[in-house]
Amino acid sequence: MNREKLKPESLVIITLTSIIAIGIIGIPYGDPRFMPIAVLFELGFIALIVFVVKEYTKALYVCIILAGLIIIGNSITGAHIHRMMTLVKPINTIVLIIGGYALQGLLIYASASAIVDKRKTIATSYHKY
């Protein structure tokens, strides 16, 4: 069997879709004061999917920056730190760890890999001629 290798952008799209799914699960359990911000983030991730599908390289850089900011924001938010240390709200904690750290880290990795792959592809096609 000859399996085609997934494009690096595919992992970015899968990761963004997973972040959206976790967000949809987690938003109802979160603080109602932050619901509008959470919805805006979800819409931003949807927009990033569109731009990545259209193969805009700048969207990959935005993914890296946004994921980094989310990890930093989650790490300096007192309520998040307390929640992770005490496991007071286990569902919130699981959603936070998966969506706010694990998937964001994967998004950074996937986006960086896609950027490197695009650069290699461009360099290879440039040197062919």
N, C-alpha and C. Protein backbone atom coordinates (compact mmCIF):
# COMPACT_ATOMS: atom_id res chain seq x y z
N MET A 1 0.83 -1.18 0.00
CA MET A 1 0.00 0.00 0.00
C MET A 1 0.87 1.25 0.00
N ASN A 2 0.50 2.18 -0.83
CA ASN A 2 1.24 3.42 -0.93
C ASN A 2 0.43 4.52 -0.25
N ARG A 3 0.87 4.92 0.91
CA ARG A 3 0.17 5.98 1.64
C ARG A 3 0.85 7.31 1.37
N GLU A 4 0.03 8.29 1.08
CA GLU A 4 0.59 9.62 0.88
C GLU A 4 0.88 10.24 2.24
N LYS A 5 1.97 10.97 2.30
CA LYS A 5 2.33 11.66 3.52
C LYS A 5 1.41 12.87 3.69
N LEU A 6 0.97 13.08 4.91
CA LEU A 6 0.14 14.26 5.17
C LEU A 6 0.98 15.52 5.00
N LYS A 7 0.36 16.54 4.46
CA LYS A 7 1.04 17.83 4.37
C LYS A 7 1.20 18.37 5.80
N PRO A 8 2.29 19.08 6.07
CA PRO A 8 2.49 19.64 7.42
C PRO A 8 1.33 20.55 7.85
N GLU A 9 0.70 21.21 6.90
CA GLU A 9 -0.43 22.06 7.24
C GLU A 9 -1.61 21.25 7.77
N SER A 10 -1.66 19.97 7.40
CA SER A 10 -2.75 19.12 7.87
C SER A 10 -2.72 18.97 9.39
N LEU A 11 -1.53 18.82 9.97
CA LEU A 11 -1.42 18.73 11.42
C LEU A 11 -1.85 20.04 12.07
N VAL A 12 -1.54 21.16 11.44
CA VAL A 12 -1.97 22.46 11.96
C VAL A 12 -3.49 22.52 11.96
N ILE A 13 -4.11 22.11 10.87
CA ILE A 13 -5.58 22.15 10.76
C ILE A 13 -6.22 21.21 11.77
N ILE A 14 -5.67 20.01 11.91
CA ILE A 14 -6.20 19.05 12.89
C ILE A 14 -6.08 19.60 14.31
N THR A 15 -4.95 20.23 14.60
CA THR A 15 -4.73 20.80 15.94
C THR A 15 -5.68 21.95 16.20
N LEU A 16 -5.84 22.84 15.22
CA LEU A 16 -6.78 23.96 15.38
C LEU A 16 -8.21 23.44 15.59
N THR A 17 -8.58 22.42 14.84
CA THR A 17 -9.92 21.83 14.98
C THR A 17 -10.08 21.23 16.38
N SER A 18 -9.05 20.59 16.88
CA SER A 18 -9.10 20.01 18.22
C SER A 18 -9.22 21.10 19.29
N ILE A 19 -8.50 22.20 19.10
CA ILE A 19 -8.58 23.32 20.04
C ILE A 19 -10.01 23.88 20.05
N ILE A 20 -10.60 24.00 18.88
CA ILE A 20 -11.98 24.50 18.80
C ILE A 20 -12.93 23.54 19.51
N ALA A 21 -12.75 22.23 19.28
CA ALA A 21 -13.63 21.23 19.92
C ALA A 21 -13.51 21.29 21.44
N ILE A 22 -12.28 21.37 21.94
CA ILE A 22 -12.08 21.47 23.39
C ILE A 22 -12.68 22.77 23.92
N GLY A 23 -12.53 23.85 23.15
CA GLY A 23 -13.12 25.13 23.56
C GLY A 23 -14.64 25.05 23.65
N ILE A 24 -15.26 24.41 22.68
CA ILE A 24 -16.72 24.28 22.69
C ILE A 24 -17.17 23.47 23.90
N ILE A 25 -16.39 22.45 24.24
CA ILE A 25 -16.71 21.66 25.43
C ILE A 25 -16.49 22.48 26.70
N GLY A 26 -15.40 23.23 26.74
CA GLY A 26 -15.01 23.93 27.96
C GLY A 26 -15.70 25.25 28.23
N ILE A 27 -16.15 25.95 27.20
CA ILE A 27 -16.74 27.28 27.40
C ILE A 27 -17.92 27.25 28.39
N PRO A 28 -18.83 26.30 28.28
CA PRO A 28 -19.95 26.31 29.24
C PRO A 28 -19.52 26.12 30.70
N TYR A 29 -18.37 25.50 30.93
CA TYR A 29 -17.90 25.28 32.30
C TYR A 29 -17.07 26.44 32.84
N GLY A 30 -16.72 27.37 31.98
CA GLY A 30 -15.86 28.47 32.38
C GLY A 30 -16.61 29.60 33.05
N ASP A 31 -15.88 30.63 33.39
CA ASP A 31 -16.44 31.82 34.03
C ASP A 31 -17.28 32.57 33.01
N PRO A 32 -18.56 32.81 33.31
CA PRO A 32 -19.44 33.49 32.34
C PRO A 32 -18.96 34.89 31.94
N ARG A 33 -18.15 35.53 32.79
CA ARG A 33 -17.64 36.86 32.46
C ARG A 33 -16.71 36.83 31.26
N PHE A 34 -16.07 35.68 31.01
CA PHE A 34 -15.11 35.58 29.93
C PHE A 34 -15.67 34.87 28.70
N MET A 35 -16.97 34.61 28.70
CA MET A 35 -17.59 33.91 27.57
C MET A 35 -17.40 34.67 26.26
N PRO A 36 -17.61 35.99 26.19
CA PRO A 36 -17.41 36.70 24.91
C PRO A 36 -15.97 36.59 24.40
N ILE A 37 -15.00 36.64 25.30
CA ILE A 37 -13.60 36.51 24.89
C ILE A 37 -13.34 35.10 24.37
N ALA A 38 -13.88 34.11 25.06
CA ALA A 38 -13.69 32.72 24.63
C ALA A 38 -14.29 32.49 23.24
N VAL A 39 -15.46 33.06 23.00
CA VAL A 39 -16.10 32.92 21.68
C VAL A 39 -15.25 33.61 20.61
N LEU A 40 -14.68 34.76 20.93
CA LEU A 40 -13.80 35.45 19.98
C LEU A 40 -12.58 34.61 19.65
N PHE A 41 -12.00 33.96 20.65
CA PHE A 41 -10.87 33.07 20.39
C PHE A 41 -11.28 31.93 19.47
N GLU A 42 -12.46 31.35 19.71
CA GLU A 42 -12.94 30.26 18.86
C GLU A 42 -13.10 30.74 17.42
N LEU A 43 -13.66 31.92 17.24
CA LEU A 43 -13.81 32.47 15.89
C LEU A 43 -12.45 32.75 15.26
N GLY A 44 -11.49 33.19 16.07
CA GLY A 44 -10.13 33.41 15.57
C GLY A 44 -9.49 32.13 15.10
N PHE A 45 -9.70 31.04 15.84
CA PHE A 45 -9.15 29.75 15.42
C PHE A 45 -9.81 29.27 14.13
N ILE A 46 -11.10 29.53 13.98
CA ILE A 46 -11.78 29.17 12.73
C ILE A 46 -11.19 29.96 11.57
N ALA A 47 -10.95 31.25 11.79
CA ALA A 47 -10.35 32.08 10.74
C ALA A 47 -8.95 31.56 10.39
N LEU A 48 -8.20 31.14 11.39
CA LEU A 48 -6.86 30.61 11.12
C LEU A 48 -6.93 29.34 10.28
N ILE A 49 -7.93 28.50 10.53
CA ILE A 49 -8.10 27.30 9.70
C ILE A 49 -8.29 27.71 8.24
N VAL A 50 -9.14 28.71 8.00
CA VAL A 50 -9.40 29.17 6.64
C VAL A 50 -8.11 29.65 5.98
N PHE A 51 -7.33 30.44 6.71
CA PHE A 51 -6.09 30.98 6.14
C PHE A 51 -5.03 29.89 5.91
N VAL A 52 -4.98 28.91 6.80
CA VAL A 52 -4.02 27.81 6.62
C VAL A 52 -4.43 26.97 5.41
N VAL A 53 -5.73 26.72 5.26
CA VAL A 53 -6.21 25.96 4.10
C VAL A 53 -5.88 26.70 2.81
N LYS A 54 -5.96 28.03 2.84
CA LYS A 54 -5.62 28.83 1.66
C LYS A 54 -4.11 28.97 1.49
N GLU A 55 -3.35 28.31 2.37
CA GLU A 55 -1.88 28.27 2.31
C GLU A 55 -1.20 29.62 2.51
N TYR A 56 -1.78 30.45 3.37
CA TYR A 56 -1.13 31.70 3.74
C TYR A 56 -0.10 31.40 4.83
N THR A 57 1.16 31.60 4.53
CA THR A 57 2.23 31.30 5.47
C THR A 57 2.14 32.16 6.73
N LYS A 58 1.71 33.39 6.57
CA LYS A 58 1.63 34.29 7.73
C LYS A 58 0.68 33.74 8.80
N ALA A 59 -0.32 32.98 8.39
CA ALA A 59 -1.25 32.39 9.36
C ALA A 59 -0.52 31.42 10.29
N LEU A 60 0.51 30.74 9.76
CA LEU A 60 1.29 29.82 10.59
C LEU A 60 2.06 30.58 11.66
N TYR A 61 2.59 31.74 11.31
CA TYR A 61 3.28 32.57 12.29
C TYR A 61 2.29 33.07 13.34
N VAL A 62 1.10 33.44 12.92
CA VAL A 62 0.06 33.89 13.85
C VAL A 62 -0.29 32.76 14.82
N CYS A 63 -0.36 31.53 14.30
CA CYS A 63 -0.64 30.37 15.16
C CYS A 63 0.41 30.25 16.27
N ILE A 64 1.67 30.41 15.90
CA ILE A 64 2.76 30.28 16.88
C ILE A 64 2.65 31.38 17.94
N ILE A 65 2.44 32.60 17.50
CA ILE A 65 2.35 33.73 18.43
C ILE A 65 1.14 33.57 19.34
N LEU A 66 -0.01 33.25 18.75
CA LEU A 66 -1.24 33.12 19.53
C LEU A 66 -1.12 31.98 20.55
N ALA A 67 -0.60 30.85 20.13
CA ALA A 67 -0.44 29.72 21.04
C ALA A 67 0.51 30.08 22.18
N GLY A 68 1.59 30.75 21.87
CA GLY A 68 2.53 31.19 22.91
C GLY A 68 1.88 32.13 23.90
N LEU A 69 1.10 33.07 23.39
CA LEU A 69 0.40 34.02 24.28
C LEU A 69 -0.63 33.31 25.15
N ILE A 70 -1.30 32.32 24.60
CA ILE A 70 -2.29 31.57 25.38
C ILE A 70 -1.60 30.79 26.50
N ILE A 71 -0.48 30.15 26.18
CA ILE A 71 0.25 29.41 27.21
C ILE A 71 0.73 30.37 28.31
N ILE A 72 1.28 31.50 27.91
CA ILE A 72 1.75 32.48 28.90
C ILE A 72 0.58 33.00 29.73
N GLY A 73 -0.51 33.35 29.05
CA GLY A 73 -1.69 33.87 29.76
C GLY A 73 -2.23 32.86 30.77
N ASN A 74 -2.30 31.60 30.36
CA ASN A 74 -2.78 30.57 31.28
C ASN A 74 -1.83 30.38 32.45
N SER A 75 -0.54 30.59 32.21
CA SER A 75 0.47 30.36 33.25
C SER A 75 0.53 31.49 34.26
N ILE A 76 0.09 32.68 33.90
CA ILE A 76 0.15 33.81 34.85
C ILE A 76 -1.20 34.15 35.45
N THR A 77 -2.24 33.43 35.07
CA THR A 77 -3.57 33.69 35.61
C THR A 77 -3.72 32.92 36.92
N GLY A 78 -3.93 33.68 37.99
CA GLY A 78 -4.02 33.08 39.32
C GLY A 78 -5.09 32.00 39.44
N ALA A 79 -6.25 32.24 38.85
CA ALA A 79 -7.34 31.26 38.93
C ALA A 79 -6.95 29.95 38.24
N HIS A 80 -6.23 30.05 37.13
CA HIS A 80 -5.82 28.84 36.42
C HIS A 80 -4.78 28.06 37.22
N ILE A 81 -3.84 28.77 37.79
CA ILE A 81 -2.81 28.12 38.60
C ILE A 81 -3.46 27.41 39.79
N HIS A 82 -4.37 28.11 40.47
CA HIS A 82 -5.07 27.53 41.62
C HIS A 82 -5.86 26.29 41.20
N ARG A 83 -6.54 26.39 40.07
CA ARG A 83 -7.35 25.27 39.58
C ARG A 83 -6.49 24.05 39.29
N MET A 84 -5.33 24.26 38.69
CA MET A 84 -4.45 23.14 38.36
C MET A 84 -3.79 22.54 39.60
N MET A 85 -3.49 23.37 40.58
CA MET A 85 -2.82 22.88 41.79
C MET A 85 -3.78 22.15 42.72
N THR A 86 -5.04 22.57 42.75
CA THR A 86 -5.99 21.99 43.71
C THR A 86 -6.98 21.02 43.08
N LEU A 87 -7.11 21.07 41.75
CA LEU A 87 -8.09 20.25 41.03
C LEU A 87 -9.51 20.43 41.59
N VAL A 88 -9.82 21.68 41.98
CA VAL A 88 -11.14 21.99 42.54
C VAL A 88 -12.24 21.67 41.52
N LYS A 89 -12.04 22.06 40.29
CA LYS A 89 -13.00 21.78 39.22
C LYS A 89 -12.31 20.86 38.21
N PRO A 90 -12.46 19.56 38.36
CA PRO A 90 -11.69 18.63 37.53
C PRO A 90 -11.95 18.77 36.03
N ILE A 91 -13.18 18.99 35.63
CA ILE A 91 -13.47 19.14 34.19
C ILE A 91 -12.78 20.37 33.65
N ASN A 92 -12.88 21.48 34.36
CA ASN A 92 -12.20 22.71 33.94
C ASN A 92 -10.70 22.49 33.85
N THR A 93 -10.15 21.79 34.81
CA THR A 93 -8.71 21.56 34.85
C THR A 93 -8.26 20.72 33.66
N ILE A 94 -9.01 19.67 33.36
CA ILE A 94 -8.67 18.81 32.22
C ILE A 94 -8.75 19.59 30.92
N VAL A 95 -9.83 20.36 30.76
CA VAL A 95 -9.99 21.19 29.55
C VAL A 95 -8.86 22.20 29.45
N LEU A 96 -8.49 22.82 30.56
CA LEU A 96 -7.41 23.80 30.58
C LEU A 96 -6.07 23.17 30.19
N ILE A 97 -5.78 22.03 30.76
CA ILE A 97 -4.49 21.39 30.47
C ILE A 97 -4.43 20.92 29.01
N ILE A 98 -5.51 20.30 28.54
CA ILE A 98 -5.50 19.81 27.16
C ILE A 98 -5.54 20.96 26.16
N GLY A 99 -6.52 21.86 26.32
CA GLY A 99 -6.69 22.94 25.35
C GLY A 99 -5.75 24.11 25.53
N GLY A 100 -5.35 24.36 26.77
CA GLY A 100 -4.55 25.54 27.05
C GLY A 100 -3.06 25.32 27.08
N TYR A 101 -2.66 24.05 27.13
CA TYR A 101 -1.22 23.75 27.15
C TYR A 101 -0.84 22.72 26.09
N ALA A 102 -1.40 21.52 26.18
CA ALA A 102 -0.98 20.43 25.29
C ALA A 102 -1.24 20.77 23.82
N LEU A 103 -2.47 21.16 23.51
CA LEU A 103 -2.79 21.47 22.11
C LEU A 103 -2.11 22.75 21.64
N GLN A 104 -1.92 23.70 22.52
CA GLN A 104 -1.22 24.93 22.13
C GLN A 104 0.24 24.62 21.81
N GLY A 105 0.85 23.76 22.63
CA GLY A 105 2.22 23.34 22.35
C GLY A 105 2.32 22.59 21.03
N LEU A 106 1.33 21.73 20.78
CA LEU A 106 1.30 21.00 19.51
C LEU A 106 1.11 21.97 18.34
N LEU A 107 0.31 23.01 18.54
CA LEU A 107 0.09 24.01 17.49
C LEU A 107 1.40 24.74 17.16
N ILE A 108 2.17 25.06 18.17
CA ILE A 108 3.47 25.71 17.94
C ILE A 108 4.37 24.78 17.12
N TYR A 109 4.44 23.52 17.55
CA TYR A 109 5.28 22.55 16.84
C TYR A 109 4.81 22.35 15.39
N ALA A 110 3.51 22.13 15.22
CA ALA A 110 2.97 21.87 13.88
C ALA A 110 3.16 23.06 12.95
N SER A 111 2.95 24.26 13.47
CA SER A 111 3.11 25.46 12.65
C SER A 111 4.57 25.66 12.26
N ALA A 112 5.47 25.48 13.23
CA ALA A 112 6.90 25.62 12.93
C ALA A 112 7.34 24.57 11.90
N SER A 113 6.84 23.35 12.03
CA SER A 113 7.17 22.30 11.06
C SER A 113 6.66 22.65 9.67
N ALA A 114 5.46 23.19 9.60
CA ALA A 114 4.89 23.58 8.31
C ALA A 114 5.69 24.71 7.67
N ILE A 115 6.13 25.66 8.48
CA ILE A 115 6.95 26.77 7.96
C ILE A 115 8.27 26.23 7.41
N VAL A 116 8.92 25.37 8.17
CA VAL A 116 10.20 24.78 7.72
C VAL A 116 9.99 23.99 6.44
N ASP A 117 8.91 23.21 6.38
CA ASP A 117 8.63 22.42 5.18
C ASP A 117 8.38 23.32 3.97
N LYS A 118 7.65 24.40 4.18
CA LYS A 118 7.40 25.34 3.06
C LYS A 118 8.71 25.95 2.57
N ARG A 119 9.58 26.31 3.50
CA ARG A 119 10.87 26.89 3.12
C ARG A 119 11.72 25.90 2.35
N LYS A 120 11.71 24.63 2.78
CA LYS A 120 12.46 23.60 2.07
C LYS A 120 11.90 23.40 0.67
N THR A 121 10.58 23.40 0.56
CA THR A 121 9.94 23.22 -0.74
C THR A 121 10.29 24.37 -1.67
N ILE A 122 10.27 25.58 -1.17
CA ILE A 122 10.60 26.75 -1.97
C ILE A 122 12.07 26.70 -2.39
N ALA A 123 12.94 26.36 -1.44
CA ALA A 123 14.38 26.29 -1.75
C ALA A 123 14.66 25.19 -2.77
N THR A 124 14.00 24.06 -2.64
CA THR A 124 14.20 22.96 -3.56
C THR A 124 13.73 23.34 -4.98
N SER A 125 12.58 23.96 -5.07
CA SER A 125 12.07 24.35 -6.38
C SER A 125 12.91 25.47 -6.99
N TYR A 126 13.49 26.30 -6.15
CA TYR A 126 14.33 27.39 -6.63
C TYR A 126 15.64 26.84 -7.22
N HIS A 127 16.19 25.82 -6.55
CA HIS A 127 17.48 25.27 -6.99
C HIS A 127 17.34 24.27 -8.14
N LYS A 128 16.14 23.87 -8.47
CA LYS A 128 15.95 22.94 -9.58
C LYS A 128 16.30 23.59 -10.91
N TYR A 129 16.07 24.86 -10.99
CA TYR A 129 16.23 25.54 -12.29
C TYR A 129 17.50 26.30 -12.38
